[in-house]
N, C-alpha and C. Protein backbone atom coordinates (compact mmCIF):
# COMPACT_ATOMS: atom_id res chain seq x y z
N MET A 1 8.23 -2.69 27.21
CA MET A 1 7.57 -1.61 26.48
C MET A 1 7.14 -2.11 25.10
N ILE A 2 5.90 -1.87 24.75
CA ILE A 2 5.38 -2.25 23.44
C ILE A 2 5.63 -1.10 22.48
N ARG A 3 6.34 -1.40 21.40
CA ARG A 3 6.67 -0.36 20.41
C ARG A 3 5.64 -0.26 19.30
N GLY A 4 4.90 -1.29 19.04
CA GLY A 4 3.90 -1.24 17.99
C GLY A 4 4.49 -1.42 16.60
N TYR A 5 3.62 -1.24 15.62
CA TYR A 5 3.98 -1.40 14.22
C TYR A 5 3.81 -0.07 13.48
N ASP A 6 4.60 0.14 12.47
CA ASP A 6 4.37 1.19 11.49
C ASP A 6 4.14 0.48 10.16
N VAL A 7 2.95 0.65 9.62
CA VAL A 7 2.58 -0.01 8.36
C VAL A 7 2.17 1.06 7.36
N VAL A 8 2.75 1.00 6.17
CA VAL A 8 2.31 1.88 5.08
C VAL A 8 1.73 1.01 3.99
N TRP A 9 0.52 1.35 3.60
CA TRP A 9 -0.18 0.69 2.49
C TRP A 9 0.19 1.40 1.22
N ALA A 10 0.79 0.72 0.26
CA ALA A 10 1.10 1.25 -1.07
C ALA A 10 -0.01 0.75 -1.99
N VAL A 11 -0.91 1.63 -2.38
CA VAL A 11 -2.15 1.25 -3.07
C VAL A 11 -2.09 1.63 -4.55
N ASP A 12 -2.33 0.66 -5.40
CA ASP A 12 -2.38 0.85 -6.84
C ASP A 12 -3.63 1.66 -7.20
N LEU A 13 -3.43 2.81 -7.83
CA LEU A 13 -4.54 3.65 -8.27
C LEU A 13 -4.60 3.75 -9.79
N SER A 14 -4.06 2.74 -10.48
CA SER A 14 -4.15 2.71 -11.93
C SER A 14 -5.57 2.38 -12.35
N LYS A 15 -5.91 2.73 -13.58
CA LYS A 15 -7.28 2.54 -14.06
C LYS A 15 -7.75 1.09 -14.03
N SER A 16 -6.80 0.14 -14.11
CA SER A 16 -7.20 -1.27 -14.06
C SER A 16 -7.83 -1.63 -12.71
N MET A 17 -7.56 -0.85 -11.67
CA MET A 17 -8.13 -1.12 -10.35
C MET A 17 -9.61 -0.75 -10.28
N ALA A 18 -10.14 -0.06 -11.31
CA ALA A 18 -11.57 0.27 -11.37
C ALA A 18 -12.39 -0.90 -11.92
N ARG A 19 -11.71 -1.89 -12.49
CA ARG A 19 -12.41 -3.05 -13.05
C ARG A 19 -12.92 -3.96 -11.94
N ALA A 20 -13.91 -4.78 -12.30
CA ALA A 20 -14.49 -5.72 -11.34
C ALA A 20 -13.45 -6.71 -10.84
N ALA A 21 -13.58 -7.05 -9.56
CA ALA A 21 -12.67 -8.00 -8.92
C ALA A 21 -13.28 -9.39 -8.92
N GLY A 22 -13.70 -9.85 -10.09
CA GLY A 22 -14.32 -11.18 -10.19
C GLY A 22 -15.58 -11.24 -9.34
N ASN A 23 -15.68 -12.27 -8.53
CA ASN A 23 -16.88 -12.44 -7.69
C ASN A 23 -16.65 -11.91 -6.27
N LEU A 24 -15.69 -10.99 -6.10
CA LEU A 24 -15.37 -10.46 -4.77
C LEU A 24 -16.29 -9.30 -4.36
N GLY A 25 -17.15 -8.83 -5.26
CA GLY A 25 -18.15 -7.83 -4.89
C GLY A 25 -17.70 -6.40 -5.05
N GLY A 26 -17.40 -6.00 -6.24
CA GLY A 26 -17.04 -4.61 -6.51
C GLY A 26 -15.76 -4.51 -7.30
N SER A 27 -15.29 -3.27 -7.43
CA SER A 27 -14.05 -3.04 -8.15
C SER A 27 -12.86 -3.54 -7.33
N LYS A 28 -11.73 -3.71 -8.01
CA LYS A 28 -10.52 -4.13 -7.31
C LYS A 28 -10.13 -3.10 -6.25
N LEU A 29 -10.35 -1.82 -6.54
CA LEU A 29 -10.01 -0.79 -5.57
C LEU A 29 -10.95 -0.82 -4.37
N LYS A 30 -12.23 -1.07 -4.61
CA LYS A 30 -13.19 -1.15 -3.51
C LYS A 30 -12.84 -2.34 -2.60
N VAL A 31 -12.54 -3.48 -3.20
CA VAL A 31 -12.15 -4.66 -2.41
C VAL A 31 -10.86 -4.37 -1.65
N SER A 32 -9.90 -3.73 -2.31
CA SER A 32 -8.63 -3.38 -1.67
C SER A 32 -8.87 -2.46 -0.47
N SER A 33 -9.73 -1.46 -0.64
CA SER A 33 -10.03 -0.54 0.46
C SER A 33 -10.65 -1.27 1.64
N GLY A 34 -11.50 -2.24 1.37
CA GLY A 34 -12.09 -3.03 2.45
C GLY A 34 -11.05 -3.84 3.20
N ILE A 35 -10.13 -4.43 2.46
CA ILE A 35 -9.04 -5.19 3.08
C ILE A 35 -8.19 -4.27 3.95
N ILE A 36 -7.85 -3.11 3.42
CA ILE A 36 -7.02 -2.16 4.16
C ILE A 36 -7.73 -1.68 5.42
N ALA A 37 -9.02 -1.38 5.31
CA ALA A 37 -9.79 -0.93 6.48
C ALA A 37 -9.81 -1.99 7.58
N MET A 38 -10.09 -3.23 7.19
CA MET A 38 -10.17 -4.31 8.16
C MET A 38 -8.80 -4.57 8.82
N ALA A 39 -7.76 -4.64 8.00
CA ALA A 39 -6.42 -4.91 8.54
C ALA A 39 -5.92 -3.74 9.38
N SER A 40 -6.21 -2.52 8.96
CA SER A 40 -5.77 -1.35 9.73
C SER A 40 -6.42 -1.32 11.11
N SER A 41 -7.67 -1.73 11.19
CA SER A 41 -8.34 -1.82 12.49
C SER A 41 -7.57 -2.75 13.43
N ARG A 42 -7.16 -3.89 12.91
CA ARG A 42 -6.38 -4.86 13.71
C ARG A 42 -5.01 -4.29 14.09
N ILE A 43 -4.35 -3.67 13.12
CA ILE A 43 -3.01 -3.11 13.37
C ILE A 43 -3.09 -2.04 14.44
N LEU A 44 -4.06 -1.13 14.32
CA LEU A 44 -4.17 -0.01 15.26
C LEU A 44 -4.68 -0.43 16.62
N SER A 45 -5.17 -1.65 16.75
CA SER A 45 -5.58 -2.14 18.07
C SER A 45 -4.37 -2.46 18.94
N ARG A 46 -3.19 -2.56 18.33
CA ARG A 46 -1.96 -2.78 19.09
C ARG A 46 -1.42 -1.41 19.52
N PRO A 47 -1.25 -1.20 20.81
CA PRO A 47 -0.77 0.10 21.30
C PRO A 47 0.54 0.51 20.62
N GLY A 48 0.61 1.79 20.27
CA GLY A 48 1.82 2.34 19.67
C GLY A 48 1.92 2.15 18.17
N SER A 49 0.92 1.55 17.54
CA SER A 49 0.97 1.29 16.10
C SER A 49 0.41 2.47 15.30
N ARG A 50 0.90 2.58 14.06
CA ARG A 50 0.44 3.63 13.15
C ARG A 50 0.30 3.05 11.74
N VAL A 51 -0.52 3.73 10.94
CA VAL A 51 -0.78 3.32 9.56
C VAL A 51 -0.68 4.55 8.67
N GLY A 52 -0.08 4.39 7.49
CA GLY A 52 -0.03 5.45 6.49
C GLY A 52 -0.45 4.88 5.14
N ILE A 53 -0.70 5.77 4.18
CA ILE A 53 -1.12 5.33 2.85
C ILE A 53 -0.34 6.11 1.79
N VAL A 54 0.18 5.37 0.81
CA VAL A 54 0.81 5.93 -0.38
C VAL A 54 0.01 5.42 -1.58
N GLY A 55 -0.24 6.27 -2.55
CA GLY A 55 -0.90 5.85 -3.78
C GLY A 55 0.11 5.85 -4.91
N PHE A 56 -0.17 5.03 -5.91
CA PHE A 56 0.69 5.04 -7.10
C PHE A 56 -0.11 4.65 -8.33
N HIS A 57 0.29 5.20 -9.45
CA HIS A 57 -0.08 4.75 -10.80
C HIS A 57 1.20 4.85 -11.59
N ASP A 58 1.39 5.85 -12.45
CA ASP A 58 2.68 5.96 -13.14
C ASP A 58 3.73 6.67 -12.28
N ARG A 59 3.34 7.14 -11.11
CA ARG A 59 4.23 7.71 -10.11
C ARG A 59 3.61 7.46 -8.74
N ALA A 60 4.38 7.69 -7.69
CA ALA A 60 3.90 7.45 -6.33
C ALA A 60 3.80 8.76 -5.57
N PHE A 61 2.86 8.83 -4.62
CA PHE A 61 2.65 10.05 -3.86
C PHE A 61 2.01 9.70 -2.51
N PRO A 62 2.41 10.42 -1.44
CA PRO A 62 1.81 10.18 -0.13
C PRO A 62 0.36 10.64 -0.11
N ILE A 63 -0.47 9.87 0.56
CA ILE A 63 -1.88 10.21 0.72
C ILE A 63 -2.19 10.51 2.18
N LEU A 64 -1.73 9.65 3.07
CA LEU A 64 -1.99 9.82 4.50
C LEU A 64 -0.70 9.55 5.26
N PRO A 65 -0.16 10.57 5.96
CA PRO A 65 1.02 10.32 6.79
C PRO A 65 0.66 9.35 7.90
N SER A 66 1.66 8.71 8.46
CA SER A 66 1.43 7.73 9.53
C SER A 66 0.58 8.33 10.64
N THR A 67 -0.44 7.57 11.03
CA THR A 67 -1.38 8.02 12.06
C THR A 67 -1.86 6.84 12.89
N ASP A 68 -2.30 7.13 14.10
CA ASP A 68 -2.94 6.11 14.92
C ASP A 68 -4.46 6.34 14.97
N ASN A 69 -4.95 7.25 14.12
CA ASN A 69 -6.35 7.63 14.10
C ASN A 69 -7.08 6.82 13.01
N TYR A 70 -7.84 5.83 13.45
CA TYR A 70 -8.54 4.94 12.51
C TYR A 70 -9.54 5.72 11.64
N ARG A 71 -10.19 6.73 12.19
CA ARG A 71 -11.16 7.52 11.42
C ARG A 71 -10.46 8.20 10.24
N ARG A 72 -9.23 8.71 10.45
CA ARG A 72 -8.48 9.34 9.35
C ARG A 72 -8.15 8.32 8.26
N VAL A 73 -7.84 7.09 8.67
CA VAL A 73 -7.57 6.03 7.69
C VAL A 73 -8.82 5.79 6.85
N LEU A 74 -9.96 5.61 7.52
CA LEU A 74 -11.21 5.36 6.78
C LEU A 74 -11.56 6.52 5.86
N ASP A 75 -11.40 7.75 6.35
CA ASP A 75 -11.70 8.92 5.51
C ASP A 75 -10.81 8.95 4.28
N SER A 76 -9.53 8.63 4.46
CA SER A 76 -8.59 8.61 3.32
C SER A 76 -8.96 7.54 2.31
N LEU A 77 -9.40 6.39 2.79
CA LEU A 77 -9.79 5.30 1.89
C LEU A 77 -10.98 5.69 1.02
N THR A 78 -11.90 6.48 1.55
CA THR A 78 -13.07 6.88 0.75
C THR A 78 -12.68 7.83 -0.37
N LEU A 79 -11.52 8.46 -0.27
CA LEU A 79 -11.07 9.41 -1.29
C LEU A 79 -10.29 8.76 -2.42
N LEU A 80 -9.91 7.49 -2.26
CA LEU A 80 -9.09 6.82 -3.28
C LEU A 80 -9.88 6.61 -4.57
N LYS A 81 -9.27 6.95 -5.69
CA LYS A 81 -9.87 6.77 -7.01
C LYS A 81 -8.84 6.17 -7.95
N ALA A 82 -9.29 5.27 -8.81
CA ALA A 82 -8.42 4.70 -9.85
C ALA A 82 -8.34 5.72 -10.98
N ILE A 83 -7.22 6.46 -11.06
CA ILE A 83 -7.18 7.63 -11.93
C ILE A 83 -6.07 7.62 -12.96
N GLY A 84 -5.05 6.80 -12.79
CA GLY A 84 -3.87 6.97 -13.63
C GLY A 84 -3.59 5.83 -14.57
N GLU A 85 -2.75 6.14 -15.54
CA GLU A 85 -2.23 5.12 -16.46
C GLU A 85 -0.97 4.54 -15.84
N GLY A 86 -0.63 3.33 -16.22
CA GLY A 86 0.59 2.70 -15.73
C GLY A 86 0.46 2.26 -14.29
N SER A 87 1.42 1.45 -13.88
CA SER A 87 1.42 0.94 -12.51
C SER A 87 2.87 0.79 -12.05
N ALA A 88 3.34 1.80 -11.33
CA ALA A 88 4.73 1.85 -10.86
C ALA A 88 4.81 1.35 -9.42
N GLY A 89 4.63 0.05 -9.26
CA GLY A 89 4.65 -0.55 -7.92
C GLY A 89 5.95 -0.32 -7.19
N GLY A 90 7.07 -0.38 -7.90
CA GLY A 90 8.37 -0.14 -7.27
C GLY A 90 8.46 1.26 -6.70
N ASP A 91 7.93 2.24 -7.41
CA ASP A 91 7.90 3.61 -6.91
C ASP A 91 7.04 3.70 -5.65
N GLY A 92 5.93 2.96 -5.64
CA GLY A 92 5.07 2.92 -4.45
C GLY A 92 5.80 2.37 -3.24
N ILE A 93 6.60 1.32 -3.46
CA ILE A 93 7.38 0.74 -2.37
C ILE A 93 8.41 1.76 -1.85
N VAL A 94 9.15 2.37 -2.75
CA VAL A 94 10.19 3.33 -2.34
C VAL A 94 9.57 4.50 -1.58
N GLU A 95 8.48 5.07 -2.08
CA GLU A 95 7.83 6.19 -1.39
C GLU A 95 7.32 5.76 -0.01
N SER A 96 6.83 4.54 0.10
CA SER A 96 6.35 4.03 1.38
C SER A 96 7.49 3.86 2.37
N VAL A 97 8.61 3.34 1.91
CA VAL A 97 9.78 3.17 2.78
C VAL A 97 10.25 4.54 3.27
N LYS A 98 10.24 5.54 2.40
CA LYS A 98 10.63 6.89 2.80
C LYS A 98 9.72 7.42 3.91
N MET A 99 8.43 7.09 3.83
CA MET A 99 7.48 7.53 4.86
C MET A 99 7.81 6.93 6.22
N LEU A 100 8.47 5.78 6.22
CA LEU A 100 8.79 5.07 7.47
C LEU A 100 10.11 5.50 8.10
N ARG A 101 10.85 6.39 7.46
CA ARG A 101 12.14 6.83 8.01
C ARG A 101 11.98 7.36 9.42
N GLY A 102 12.93 7.00 10.27
CA GLY A 102 12.95 7.52 11.63
C GLY A 102 12.01 6.81 12.59
N SER A 103 11.29 5.84 12.13
CA SER A 103 10.37 5.11 13.00
C SER A 103 11.15 4.16 13.90
N GLY A 104 10.79 4.12 15.17
CA GLY A 104 11.39 3.17 16.09
C GLY A 104 10.56 1.90 16.23
N ARG A 105 9.55 1.78 15.41
CA ARG A 105 8.66 0.64 15.46
C ARG A 105 9.10 -0.42 14.45
N GLU A 106 8.45 -1.58 14.53
CA GLU A 106 8.62 -2.60 13.49
C GLU A 106 7.94 -2.06 12.23
N ARG A 107 8.68 -2.00 11.11
CA ARG A 107 8.20 -1.32 9.90
C ARG A 107 7.83 -2.31 8.80
N HIS A 108 6.67 -2.03 8.19
CA HIS A 108 6.14 -2.88 7.12
C HIS A 108 5.58 -2.02 6.00
N VAL A 109 5.78 -2.46 4.76
CA VAL A 109 5.08 -1.90 3.60
C VAL A 109 4.26 -3.03 3.01
N VAL A 110 2.99 -2.73 2.76
CA VAL A 110 2.09 -3.70 2.12
C VAL A 110 1.63 -3.10 0.80
N LEU A 111 2.07 -3.70 -0.30
CA LEU A 111 1.68 -3.23 -1.63
C LEU A 111 0.40 -3.95 -2.02
N VAL A 112 -0.62 -3.18 -2.39
CA VAL A 112 -1.92 -3.72 -2.77
C VAL A 112 -2.17 -3.34 -4.23
N SER A 113 -2.34 -4.35 -5.08
CA SER A 113 -2.42 -4.12 -6.52
C SER A 113 -3.13 -5.29 -7.20
N ASP A 114 -3.41 -5.12 -8.50
CA ASP A 114 -3.88 -6.25 -9.29
C ASP A 114 -2.72 -6.94 -9.99
N GLY A 115 -1.50 -6.47 -9.74
CA GLY A 115 -0.31 -7.19 -10.15
C GLY A 115 0.29 -6.83 -11.49
N GLY A 116 -0.21 -5.85 -12.18
CA GLY A 116 0.34 -5.51 -13.49
C GLY A 116 1.32 -4.35 -13.42
N PHE A 117 2.52 -4.56 -12.91
CA PHE A 117 3.52 -3.50 -12.78
C PHE A 117 4.24 -3.31 -14.11
N ASN A 118 4.12 -2.10 -14.68
CA ASN A 118 4.63 -1.93 -16.04
C ASN A 118 5.44 -0.65 -16.25
N THR A 119 5.76 0.06 -15.19
CA THR A 119 6.54 1.29 -15.33
C THR A 119 7.27 1.59 -14.03
N GLY A 120 8.21 2.50 -14.11
CA GLY A 120 8.90 2.96 -12.90
C GLY A 120 10.00 2.02 -12.43
N ILE A 121 10.34 2.15 -11.17
CA ILE A 121 11.39 1.35 -10.54
C ILE A 121 10.98 -0.12 -10.56
N PRO A 122 11.83 -1.02 -11.02
CA PRO A 122 11.48 -2.45 -11.01
C PRO A 122 11.23 -2.96 -9.58
N ILE A 123 10.24 -3.82 -9.44
CA ILE A 123 9.87 -4.36 -8.13
C ILE A 123 11.08 -4.99 -7.42
N PRO A 124 11.89 -5.84 -8.08
CA PRO A 124 13.03 -6.44 -7.36
C PRO A 124 14.00 -5.40 -6.80
N LEU A 125 14.23 -4.33 -7.52
CA LEU A 125 15.13 -3.27 -7.04
C LEU A 125 14.52 -2.55 -5.83
N ALA A 126 13.23 -2.25 -5.90
CA ALA A 126 12.55 -1.61 -4.77
C ALA A 126 12.54 -2.54 -3.55
N ALA A 127 12.39 -3.84 -3.78
CA ALA A 127 12.41 -4.81 -2.67
C ALA A 127 13.77 -4.84 -1.99
N ILE A 128 14.83 -4.75 -2.76
CA ILE A 128 16.18 -4.71 -2.19
C ILE A 128 16.35 -3.43 -1.36
N TYR A 129 15.84 -2.32 -1.85
CA TYR A 129 15.90 -1.06 -1.11
C TYR A 129 15.18 -1.21 0.23
N ALA A 130 13.96 -1.77 0.21
CA ALA A 130 13.21 -1.97 1.45
C ALA A 130 13.99 -2.85 2.42
N LEU A 131 14.54 -3.94 1.92
CA LEU A 131 15.32 -4.86 2.76
C LEU A 131 16.51 -4.13 3.39
N ASN A 132 17.23 -3.36 2.58
CA ASN A 132 18.39 -2.63 3.09
C ASN A 132 18.02 -1.57 4.12
N MET A 133 16.79 -1.09 4.07
CA MET A 133 16.32 -0.08 5.02
C MET A 133 15.66 -0.73 6.25
N GLY A 134 15.64 -2.08 6.28
CA GLY A 134 15.07 -2.78 7.43
C GLY A 134 13.55 -2.81 7.46
N VAL A 135 12.94 -2.70 6.28
CA VAL A 135 11.48 -2.68 6.16
C VAL A 135 11.02 -4.01 5.58
N ARG A 136 10.03 -4.61 6.23
CA ARG A 136 9.44 -5.86 5.71
C ARG A 136 8.43 -5.51 4.63
N LEU A 137 8.47 -6.28 3.55
CA LEU A 137 7.64 -6.01 2.38
C LEU A 137 6.65 -7.15 2.18
N HIS A 138 5.39 -6.79 1.94
CA HIS A 138 4.31 -7.76 1.74
C HIS A 138 3.52 -7.34 0.50
N PHE A 139 2.88 -8.31 -0.14
CA PHE A 139 2.06 -8.04 -1.33
C PHE A 139 0.67 -8.64 -1.14
N ILE A 140 -0.35 -7.89 -1.55
CA ILE A 140 -1.72 -8.39 -1.65
C ILE A 140 -2.13 -8.15 -3.10
N ILE A 141 -2.43 -9.23 -3.83
CA ILE A 141 -2.86 -9.13 -5.22
C ILE A 141 -4.37 -9.36 -5.25
N VAL A 142 -5.12 -8.37 -5.74
CA VAL A 142 -6.58 -8.41 -5.74
C VAL A 142 -7.08 -8.54 -7.17
N GLY A 143 -7.78 -9.63 -7.44
CA GLY A 143 -8.43 -9.80 -8.75
C GLY A 143 -7.48 -9.87 -9.91
N GLY A 144 -6.29 -10.38 -9.70
CA GLY A 144 -5.32 -10.49 -10.79
C GLY A 144 -4.23 -11.46 -10.41
N GLN A 145 -3.15 -11.41 -11.14
CA GLN A 145 -2.00 -12.26 -10.88
C GLN A 145 -0.74 -11.41 -10.89
N PRO A 146 0.22 -11.76 -10.04
CA PRO A 146 1.47 -11.00 -10.08
C PRO A 146 2.10 -11.13 -11.46
N GLY A 147 2.58 -10.02 -11.96
CA GLY A 147 3.23 -10.05 -13.27
C GLY A 147 3.92 -8.75 -13.54
N GLY A 148 4.79 -8.76 -14.52
CA GLY A 148 5.49 -7.54 -14.86
C GLY A 148 6.36 -7.02 -13.74
N CYS A 149 6.87 -7.94 -12.93
CA CYS A 149 7.65 -7.53 -11.75
C CYS A 149 9.09 -7.22 -12.09
N GLY A 150 9.56 -7.48 -13.27
CA GLY A 150 10.96 -7.28 -13.59
C GLY A 150 11.27 -5.99 -14.10
């Protein structure tokens, strides 16, 4: 029996994500949304898989509950806006892990950011929480460098 994957994208919606992503063709958020759309298509091609989205700036909040509907993922991505001050990546991780509770699938959180985490739960603490909950944690840094992780 194929159980599939449960993947939650924790997306940075801080104002810095509205800045250009170098020569990648658009804002950091636009590039991030393209990456998420492409990867979600691959993930959802595996039977039994689901994708969810959490947004964060100075706090984290669910945007799209886990779904196997690719159209809902794309629609949610078009609604993302870089709106907040601060970047609480650790809070994004914790909220994403909470979304995965009760899943019988292989669970993953993918944090997508420009890497400037400066508020909220420290990234190392959130990573330990994810590990203790049996969730694999991944990072995609778009148009920046990892920093402020402590």
